[in-house]
C-alpha atoms as a PDB file:
ATOM      1  CA  MET A   1    -128.201 134.178 270.690  1.00  0.00           C
ATOM      2  CA  TYR A   2    -127.483 132.607 267.326  1.00  0.00           C
ATOM      3  CA  PRO A   3    -125.384 129.604 266.298  1.00  0.00           C
ATOM      4  CA  MET A   4    -121.686 130.289 265.895  1.00  0.00           C
ATOM      5  CA  VAL A   5    -119.398 128.732 263.324  1.00  0.00           C
ATOM      6  CA  PRO A   6    -115.913 129.944 264.356  1.00  0.00           C
ATOM      7  CA  GLY A   7    -113.035 130.895 262.124  1.00  0.00           C
ATOM      8  CA  HIS A   8    -111.711 134.324 261.163  1.00  0.00           C
ATOM      9  CA  GLU A   9    -108.764 133.375 258.932  1.00  0.00           C
ATOM     10  CA  MET A  10    -110.353 132.270 255.677  1.00  0.00           C
ATOM     11  CA  VAL A  11    -108.916 131.578 252.256  1.00  0.00           C
ATOM     12  CA  GLY A  12    -111.085 130.329 249.422  1.00  0.00           C
ATOM     13  CA  VAL A  13    -112.073 130.564 245.786  1.00  0.00           C
ATOM     14  CA  VAL A  14    -114.650 133.070 244.527  1.00  0.00           C
ATOM     15  CA  SER A  15    -117.616 131.036 243.288  1.00  0.00           C
ATOM     16  CA  GLU A  16    -120.216 133.763 242.730  1.00  0.00           C
ATOM     17  CA  MET A  17    -120.307 137.553 242.810  1.00  0.00           C
ATOM     18  CA  GLY A  18    -122.794 140.380 242.509  1.00  0.00           C
ATOM     19  CA  ALA A  19    -123.335 142.353 239.341  1.00  0.00           C
ATOM     20  CA  GLN A  20    -121.710 145.514 240.748  1.00  0.00           C
ATOM     21  CA  VAL A  21    -118.520 143.864 241.972  1.00  0.00           C
ATOM     22  CA  GLU A  22    -115.372 145.249 240.344  1.00  0.00           C
ATOM     23  CA  GLY A  23    -111.810 143.965 240.313  1.00  0.00           C
ATOM     24  CA  VAL A  24    -112.724 140.414 241.315  1.00  0.00           C
ATOM     25  CA  SER A  25    -113.364 137.391 239.112  1.00  0.00           C
ATOM     26  CA  VAL A  26    -114.923 133.981 239.683  1.00  0.00           C
ATOM     27  CA  GLY A  27    -112.143 131.480 240.300  1.00  0.00           C
ATOM     28  CA  GLU A  28    -109.783 133.906 242.000  1.00  0.00           C
ATOM     29  CA  VAL A  29    -108.411 133.053 245.432  1.00  0.00           C
ATOM     30  CA  MET A  30    -109.296 135.548 248.156  1.00  0.00           C
ATOM     31  CA  GLY A  31    -108.912 135.836 251.892  1.00  0.00           C
ATOM     32  CA  VAL A  32    -111.124 137.196 254.663  1.00  0.00           C
ATOM     33  CA  GLY A  33    -109.683 138.125 258.031  1.00  0.00           C
ATOM     34  CA  CYS A  34    -111.330 139.391 261.204  1.00  0.00           C
ATOM     35  CA  ILE A  35    -113.201 142.264 259.543  1.00  0.00           C
ATOM     36  CA  ALA A  36    -116.192 141.687 257.266  1.00  0.00           C
ATOM     37  CA  ASP A  37    -117.578 145.241 257.307  1.00  0.00           C
ATOM     38  CA  SER A  38    -117.395 148.622 259.042  1.00  0.00           C
ATOM     39  CA  CYS A  39    -119.216 151.955 258.857  1.00  0.00           C
ATOM     40  CA  ARG A  40    -116.887 153.309 256.101  1.00  0.00           C
ATOM     41  CA  SER A  41    -117.531 156.915 257.129  1.00  0.00           C
ATOM     42  CA  CYS A  42    -115.825 157.565 260.486  1.00  0.00           C
ATOM     43  CA  HIS A  43    -112.317 158.990 260.833  1.00  0.00           C
ATOM     44  CA  SER A  44    -110.792 155.561 261.428  1.00  0.00           C
ATOM     45  CA  CYS A  45    -112.414 153.980 258.381  1.00  0.00           C
ATOM     46  CA  ASP A  46    -111.475 156.967 256.224  1.00  0.00           C
ATOM     47  CA  SER A  47    -107.838 156.582 257.288  1.00  0.00           C
ATOM     48  CA  GLY A  48    -107.741 152.856 256.462  1.00  0.00           C
ATOM     49  CA  ASP A  49    -108.009 151.727 260.076  1.00  0.00           C
ATOM     50  CA  GLU A  50    -111.299 149.850 259.898  1.00  0.00           C
ATOM     51  CA  HIS A  51    -110.282 147.835 262.958  1.00  0.00           C
ATOM     52  CA  TYR A  52    -110.842 150.993 265.025  1.00  0.00           C
ATOM     53  CA  CYS A  53    -114.204 151.825 263.427  1.00  0.00           C
ATOM     54  CA  GLU A  54    -115.905 154.244 265.802  1.00  0.00           C
ATOM     55  CA  THR A  55    -119.285 152.565 265.460  1.00  0.00           C
ATOM     56  CA  GLY A  56    -117.738 149.087 265.675  1.00  0.00           C
ATOM     57  CA  PHE A  57    -116.585 146.869 262.839  1.00  0.00           C
ATOM     58  CA  THR A  58    -118.413 143.695 261.877  1.00  0.00           C
ATOM     59  CA  LEU A  59    -116.527 140.564 262.819  1.00  0.00           C
ATOM     60  CA  SER A  60    -116.293 137.810 260.251  1.00  0.00           C
ATOM     61  CA  PHE A  61    -117.741 135.310 262.727  1.00  0.00           C
ATOM     62  CA  ASN A  62    -120.361 135.266 265.484  1.00  0.00           C
ATOM     63  CA  SER A  63    -121.510 138.738 264.474  1.00  0.00           C
ATOM     64  CA  LYS A  64    -124.356 140.502 262.701  1.00  0.00           C
ATOM     65  CA  ASP A  65    -123.857 142.803 259.730  1.00  0.00           C
ATOM     66  CA  ARG A  66    -125.564 146.167 259.304  1.00  0.00           C
ATOM     67  CA  GLU A  67    -128.610 144.503 257.765  1.00  0.00           C
ATOM     68  CA  GLY A  68    -128.927 142.123 260.701  1.00  0.00           C
ATOM     69  CA  ARG A  69    -127.637 139.047 258.881  1.00  0.00           C
ATOM     70  CA  VAL A  70    -125.446 136.685 260.854  1.00  0.00           C
ATOM     71  CA  ASN A  71    -121.810 136.058 259.901  1.00  0.00           C
ATOM     72  CA  TYR A  72    -121.256 132.409 260.704  1.00  0.00           C
ATOM     73  CA  GLY A  73    -117.498 132.245 260.282  1.00  0.00           C
ATOM     74  CA  GLY A  74    -114.875 130.443 258.284  1.00  0.00           C
ATOM     75  CA  TYR A  75    -115.709 126.861 259.129  1.00  0.00           C
ATOM     76  CA  ALA A  76    -118.911 127.176 257.121  1.00  0.00           C
ATOM     77  CA  SER A  77    -119.075 125.599 253.656  1.00  0.00           C
ATOM     78  CA  ASP A  78    -119.275 129.016 251.991  1.00  0.00           C
ATOM     79  CA  TYR A  79    -119.071 132.659 253.001  1.00  0.00           C
ATOM     80  CA  VAL A  80    -120.575 135.895 251.665  1.00  0.00           C
ATOM     81  CA  VAL A  81    -118.598 139.113 252.120  1.00  0.00           C
ATOM     82  CA  ASP A  82    -118.453 142.602 250.621  1.00  0.00           C
ATOM     83  CA  TYR A  83    -115.636 142.707 248.071  1.00  0.00           C
ATOM     84  CA  ASP A  84    -114.153 145.826 249.708  1.00  0.00           C
ATOM     85  CA  TYR A  85    -113.114 143.566 252.600  1.00  0.00           C
ATOM     86  CA  LEU A  86    -111.506 140.837 250.513  1.00  0.00           C
ATOM     87  CA  VAL A  87    -107.756 140.248 250.573  1.00  0.00           C
ATOM     88  CA  PRO A  88    -106.288 138.983 247.266  1.00  0.00           C
ATOM     89  CA  ILE A  89    -104.062 135.929 247.681  1.00  0.00           C
ATOM     90  CA  PRO A  90    -101.016 135.858 245.351  1.00  0.00           C
ATOM     91  CA  GLU A  91    -100.815 133.227 242.668  1.00  0.00           C
ATOM     92  CA  GLY A  92     -98.734 130.255 243.769  1.00  0.00           C
ATOM     93  CA  ALA A  93     -99.266 130.867 247.470  1.00  0.00           C
ATOM     94  CA  ASP A  94     -99.596 128.015 249.946  1.00  0.00           C
ATOM     95  CA  LEU A  95    -103.168 128.654 251.068  1.00  0.00           C
ATOM     96  CA  ALA A  96    -102.788 126.838 254.383  1.00  0.00           C
ATOM     97  CA  ARG A  97     -99.872 129.101 255.266  1.00  0.00           C
ATOM     98  CA  MET A  98    -101.571 132.241 254.020  1.00  0.00           C
ATOM     99  CA  ALA A  99    -104.684 131.850 256.165  1.00  0.00           C
ATOM    100  CA  PRO A 100    -103.075 132.407 259.612  1.00  0.00           C
ATOM    101  CA  LEU A 101    -101.509 135.634 258.376  1.00  0.00           C
ATOM    102  CA  LEU A 102    -104.974 137.184 258.116  1.00  0.00           C
ATOM    103  CA  CYS A 103    -105.126 137.582 261.898  1.00  0.00           C
ATOM    104  CA  GLY A 104    -101.788 136.744 263.532  1.00  0.00           C
ATOM    105  CA  GLY A 105     -99.748 138.148 260.670  1.00  0.00           C
ATOM    106  CA  ILE A 106    -101.489 141.514 260.481  1.00  0.00           C
ATOM    107  CA  THR A 107    -101.521 141.810 264.281  1.00  0.00           C
ATOM    108  CA  VAL A 108     -97.725 142.005 264.356  1.00  0.00           C
ATOM    109  CA  TYR A 109     -97.195 143.631 260.940  1.00  0.00           C
ATOM    110  CA  THR A 110     -99.236 146.716 261.886  1.00  0.00           C
ATOM    111  CA  PRO A 111     -97.067 147.924 264.817  1.00  0.00           C
ATOM    112  CA  LEU A 112     -93.847 147.016 262.980  1.00  0.00           C
ATOM    113  CA  LYS A 113     -94.943 149.257 260.118  1.00  0.00           C
ATOM    114  CA  ARG A 114     -96.347 151.970 262.388  1.00  0.00           C
ATOM    115  CA  PHE A 115     -93.120 152.258 264.377  1.00  0.00           C
ATOM    116  CA  LYS A 116     -90.920 152.041 261.274  1.00  0.00           C
ATOM    117  CA  VAL A 117     -89.061 148.850 262.126  1.00  0.00           C
ATOM    118  CA  GLY A 118     -86.310 148.275 259.588  1.00  0.00           C
ATOM    119  CA  PRO A 119     -82.562 148.686 259.005  1.00  0.00           C
ATOM    120  CA  GLY A 120     -80.894 150.407 261.919  1.00  0.00           C
ATOM    121  CA  THR A 121     -83.605 149.507 264.431  1.00  0.00           C
ATOM    122  CA  THR A 122     -83.542 146.887 267.170  1.00  0.00           C
ATOM    123  CA  LEU A 123     -86.695 145.000 268.086  1.00  0.00           C
ATOM    124  CA  CYS A 124     -87.237 142.810 271.124  1.00  0.00           C
ATOM    125  CA  VAL A 125     -90.079 140.294 270.868  1.00  0.00           C
ATOM    126  CA  LEU A 126     -91.545 139.057 274.147  1.00  0.00           C
ATOM    127  CA  GLY A 127     -93.027 135.589 273.835  1.00  0.00           C
ATOM    128  CA  MET A 128     -92.645 132.970 271.125  1.00  0.00           C
ATOM    129  CA  GLY A 129     -96.183 131.840 270.460  1.00  0.00           C
ATOM    130  CA  GLY A 130     -98.415 132.357 267.440  1.00  0.00           C
ATOM    131  CA  LEU A 131     -97.745 136.101 267.286  1.00  0.00           C
ATOM    132  CA  GLY A 132     -94.113 136.071 268.350  1.00  0.00           C
ATOM    133  CA  HIS A 133     -92.875 133.680 265.705  1.00  0.00           C
ATOM    134  CA  LEU A 134     -94.485 135.804 262.978  1.00  0.00           C
ATOM    135  CA  ALA A 135     -93.071 139.037 264.404  1.00  0.00           C
ATOM    136  CA  ILE A 136     -89.553 137.599 264.228  1.00  0.00           C
ATOM    137  CA  GLN A 137     -89.937 136.707 260.561  1.00  0.00           C
ATOM    138  CA  PHE A 138     -91.496 140.012 259.543  1.00  0.00           C
ATOM    139  CA  ALA A 139     -88.961 142.145 261.410  1.00  0.00           C
ATOM    140  CA  SER A 140     -86.031 140.113 260.084  1.00  0.00           C
ATOM    141  CA  ALA A 141     -87.340 140.504 256.533  1.00  0.00           C
ATOM    142  CA  MET A 142     -87.691 144.242 257.145  1.00  0.00           C
ATOM    143  CA  GLY A 143     -83.987 144.404 257.968  1.00  0.00           C
ATOM    144  CA  ALA A 144     -84.211 144.983 261.712  1.00  0.00           C
ATOM    145  CA  ARG A 145     -81.992 143.506 264.384  1.00  0.00           C
ATOM    146  CA  VAL A 146     -84.214 141.084 266.291  1.00  0.00           C
ATOM    147  CA  LEU A 147     -83.891 139.657 269.756  1.00  0.00           C
ATOM    148  CA  VAL A 148     -86.404 137.451 271.514  1.00  0.00           C
ATOM    149  CA  ALA A 149     -87.069 136.795 275.177  1.00  0.00           C
ATOM    150  CA  SER A 150     -88.552 133.462 276.234  1.00  0.00           C
ATOM    151  CA  ARG A 151     -88.193 131.236 279.287  1.00  0.00           C
ATOM    152  CA  SER A 152     -88.360 128.152 277.058  1.00  0.00           C
ATOM    153  CA  ALA A 153     -85.025 126.833 275.747  1.00  0.00           C
ATOM    154  CA  ALA A 154     -86.816 125.081 272.887  1.00  0.00           C
ATOM    155  CA  LYS A 155     -88.571 128.276 271.858  1.00  0.00           C
ATOM    156  CA  ARG A 156     -85.334 130.240 272.056  1.00  0.00           C
ATOM    157  CA  ALA A 157     -83.826 127.759 269.617  1.00  0.00           C
ATOM    158  CA  ASP A 158     -86.843 128.186 267.322  1.00  0.00           C
ATOM    159  CA  ALA A 159     -86.469 131.963 267.519  1.00  0.00           C
ATOM    160  CA  LYS A 160     -82.916 131.830 266.215  1.00  0.00           C
ATOM    161  CA  ARG A 161     -83.941 129.441 263.463  1.00  0.00           C
ATOM    162  CA  LEU A 162     -86.634 131.914 262.398  1.00  0.00           C
ATOM    163  CA  GLY A 163     -84.231 134.839 262.180  1.00  0.00           C
ATOM    164  CA  ALA A 164     -83.624 136.254 265.649  1.00  0.00           C
ATOM    165  CA  GLU A 165     -80.036 137.311 266.248  1.00  0.00           C
ATOM    166  CA  VAL A 166     -80.268 136.803 269.996  1.00  0.00           C
ATOM    167  CA  ALA A 167     -82.602 134.696 272.136  1.00  0.00           C
ATOM    168  CA  LEU A 168     -82.638 135.746 275.785  1.00  0.00           C
ATOM    169  CA  ASP A 169     -83.666 133.919 278.916  1.00  0.00           C
ATOM    170  CA  PRO A 170     -85.529 136.639 280.904  1.00  0.00           C
ATOM    171  CA  GLU A 171     -84.203 135.196 284.139  1.00  0.00           C
ATOM    172  CA  SER A 172     -80.539 135.263 283.116  1.00  0.00           C
ATOM    173  CA  ASP A 173     -77.827 137.911 283.475  1.00  0.00           C
ATOM    174  CA  GLU A 174     -77.857 138.341 279.669  1.00  0.00           C
ATOM    175  CA  MET A 175     -80.610 140.904 280.102  1.00  0.00           C
ATOM    176  CA  GLN A 176     -78.119 143.461 281.438  1.00  0.00           C
ATOM    177  CA  THR A 177     -76.303 143.517 278.096  1.00  0.00           C
ATOM    178  CA  TRP A 178     -79.383 144.878 276.343  1.00  0.00           C
ATOM    179  CA  ILE A 179     -80.271 147.744 278.672  1.00  0.00           C
ATOM    180  CA  GLY A 180     -80.927 150.836 276.561  1.00  0.00           C
ATOM    181  CA  GLN A 181     -80.466 148.993 273.254  1.00  0.00           C
ATOM    182  CA  CYS A 182     -83.988 148.498 271.874  1.00  0.00           C
ATOM    183  CA  ASP A 183     -86.119 150.845 269.813  1.00  0.00           C
ATOM    184  CA  LEU A 184     -89.281 148.784 270.156  1.00  0.00           C
ATOM    185  CA  ILE A 185     -90.446 145.951 272.384  1.00  0.00           C
ATOM    186  CA  LEU A 186     -93.352 143.975 270.951  1.00  0.00           C
ATOM    187  CA  ASP A 187     -95.128 142.243 273.810  1.00  0.00           C
ATOM    188  CA  THR A 188     -97.111 139.235 272.559  1.00  0.00           C
ATOM    189  CA  ILE A 189     -97.645 137.666 276.007  1.00  0.00           C
ATOM    190  CA  SER A 190    -101.287 137.024 276.899  1.00  0.00           C
ATOM    191  CA  ASN A 191    -100.716 135.951 280.505  1.00  0.00           C
ATOM    192  CA  PRO A 192    -100.142 138.289 283.460  1.00  0.00           C
ATOM    193  CA  HIS A 193     -96.471 139.379 283.587  1.00  0.00           C
ATOM    194  CA  ASP A 194     -94.184 142.118 284.833  1.00  0.00           C
ATOM    195  CA  LEU A 195     -93.882 144.943 282.306  1.00  0.00           C
ATOM    196  CA  ASN A 196     -91.451 146.880 284.463  1.00  0.00           C
ATOM    197  CA  GLN A 197     -88.510 144.562 283.837  1.00  0.00           C
ATOM    198  CA  TRP A 198     -88.647 145.406 280.124  1.00  0.00           C
ATOM    199  CA  PHE A 199     -88.727 149.209 280.021  1.00  0.00           C
ATOM    200  CA  PRO A 200     -84.989 149.490 280.852  1.00  0.00           C
ATOM    201  CA  LEU A 201     -84.168 147.672 277.595  1.00  0.00           C
ATOM    202  CA  LEU A 202     -85.560 150.632 275.636  1.00  0.00           C
ATOM    203  CA  ARG A 203     -83.498 153.525 274.363  1.00  0.00           C
ATOM    204  CA  ARG A 204     -84.647 157.040 275.135  1.00  0.00           C
ATOM    205  CA  GLY A 205     -87.900 157.491 273.230  1.00  0.00           C
ATOM    206  CA  GLY A 206     -88.391 153.752 272.823  1.00  0.00           C
ATOM    207  CA  LYS A 207     -91.791 152.108 272.858  1.00  0.00           C
ATOM    208  CA  LEU A 208     -93.245 149.009 274.437  1.00  0.00           C
ATOM    209  CA  CYS A 209     -96.253 147.906 272.392  1.00  0.00           C
ATOM    210  CA  LEU A 210     -98.829 145.423 273.665  1.00  0.00           C
ATOM    211  CA  VAL A 211    -100.423 143.050 271.165  1.00  0.00           C
ATOM    212  CA  GLY A 212    -101.097 140.304 273.685  1.00  0.00           C
ATOM    213  CA  VAL A 213    -104.088 141.033 275.940  1.00  0.00           C
ATOM    214  CA  PRO A 214    -103.858 139.607 279.474  1.00  0.00           C
ATOM    215  CA  THR A 215    -107.205 139.431 281.215  1.00  0.00           C
ATOM    216  CA  GLU A 216    -105.737 140.758 284.471  1.00  0.00           C
ATOM    217  CA  GLN A 217    -104.488 144.278 285.172  1.00  0.00           C
ATOM    218  CA  LEU A 218    -100.783 144.917 284.613  1.00  0.00           C
ATOM    219  CA  GLN A 219     -98.938 147.404 286.817  1.00  0.00           C
ATOM    220  CA  VAL A 220     -96.491 149.984 285.484  1.00  0.00           C
ATOM    221  CA  PHE A 221     -93.963 151.998 287.523  1.00  0.00           C
ATOM    222  CA  PRO A 222     -94.330 155.514 286.037  1.00  0.00           C
ATOM    223  CA  ALA A 223     -90.700 156.541 286.554  1.00  0.00           C
ATOM    224  CA  LEU A 224     -89.571 153.910 284.049  1.00  0.00           C
ATOM    225  CA  ILE A 225     -91.557 155.761 281.397  1.00  0.00           C
ATOM    226  CA  VAL A 226     -91.048 159.372 282.484  1.00  0.00           C
ATOM    227  CA  PHE A 227     -87.286 159.301 283.041  1.00  0.00           C
ATOM    228  CA  GLY A 228     -86.603 157.473 279.803  1.00  0.00           C
ATOM    229  CA  ASP A 229     -88.963 159.440 277.554  1.00  0.00           C
ATOM    230  CA  ARG A 230     -90.499 156.045 276.795  1.00  0.00           C
ATOM    231  CA  SER A 231     -94.078 155.134 275.973  1.00  0.00           C
ATOM    232  CA  LEU A 232     -96.483 152.257 276.431  1.00  0.00           C
ATOM    233  CA  GLU A 233     -98.479 151.567 273.274  1.00  0.00           C
ATOM    234  CA  GLY A 234    -101.165 149.150 272.134  1.00  0.00           C
ATOM    235  CA  SER A 235    -102.124 147.764 268.755  1.00  0.00           C
ATOM    236  CA  LEU A 236    -105.064 145.760 267.450  1.00  0.00           C
ATOM    237  CA  ILE A 237    -105.134 143.797 264.174  1.00  0.00           C
ATOM    238  CA  GLY A 238    -104.933 146.098 261.114  1.00  0.00           C
ATOM    239  CA  GLY A 239    -106.931 147.701 258.339  1.00  0.00           C
ATOM    240  CA  ILE A 240    -107.790 146.132 255.007  1.00  0.00           C
ATOM    241  CA  ALA A 241    -105.162 148.024 252.996  1.00  0.00           C
ATOM    242  CA  ASP A 242    -102.408 147.027 255.419  1.00  0.00           C
ATOM    243  CA  THR A 243    -103.638 143.431 255.438  1.00  0.00           C
ATOM    244  CA  ARG A 244    -103.379 143.302 251.667  1.00  0.00           C
ATOM    245  CA  GLU A 245     -99.902 144.827 251.833  1.00  0.00           C
ATOM    246  CA  MET A 246     -98.841 142.347 254.505  1.00  0.00           C
ATOM    247  CA  ILE A 247     -99.954 139.359 252.436  1.00  0.00           C
ATOM    248  CA  GLN A 248     -97.957 140.587 249.442  1.00  0.00           C
ATOM    249  CA  PHE A 249     -94.911 141.226 251.652  1.00  0.00           C
ATOM    250  CA  ALA A 250     -95.027 137.717 253.120  1.00  0.00           C
ATOM    251  CA  HIS A 251     -95.394 136.134 249.699  1.00  0.00           C
ATOM    252  CA  ALA A 252     -92.564 138.233 248.230  1.00  0.00           C
ATOM    253  CA  HIS A 253     -90.252 136.965 250.977  1.00  0.00           C
ATOM    254  CA  GLY A 254     -91.097 133.370 250.221  1.00  0.00           C
ATOM    255  CA  TRP A 255     -92.697 132.270 253.479  1.00  0.00           C
ATOM    256  CA  ALA A 256     -96.019 131.209 252.043  1.00  0.00           C
ATOM    257  CA  GLN A 257     -95.188 129.880 248.609  1.00  0.00           C
ATOM    258  CA  ARG A 258     -96.116 126.352 247.653  1.00  0.00           C
ATOM    259  CA  SER A 259     -93.239 123.903 247.680  1.00  0.00           C
ATOM    260  CA  SER A 260     -92.245 122.743 244.200  1.00  0.00           C
END
């Protein structure tokens, strides 16, 4: 074992760089997310999905790189990373707000992009924690109709403040109104829960995508998928190109700009 310095959402200023580095200058602000390296030659890496690297990507903390050096994480005083895995931070950005996007932000942005969430689509977000509140903002900015399901009245109020059109109590009769109305359900819940109550909200061909990862097995009634032409999906963080795109998208929509 080796000492761990945690932290995988880093934003900082470039202080030194190697002679062969291109497109980066000392003094620029850059971010590092969960990925610090990958094999760069497998199908996943070639397609910009380094987070599915078939030989395993290198985490930015508590991990060893391909040369056996330890990545100590973002709470260290400085950090060394290959420039191919840097994420440029826009000028004028609020760095404290940018940092959490490098994990939580890309985790929800990736499936929203993959499943073409936008005008004319309806998204249901399950859970209003760190991932859920970002999913609401991204999907709203993309032009989708957003509803949220949470048992917490306070969180339902937050969801509407963040851009959700509807905030549902999963235990209320309101659920019946939304049967067959959703194109995508983004499940951010990390605790054990009943997936089967949510499949009926999907249209034919709709998808329920897991981004939360409960540690216990979840049961699925197959008929809810088969008879609705629905699917159960999963999504991890996101590749470097999508992370860079996500940061620019967030900044363009004004969420992470410094207050004047």
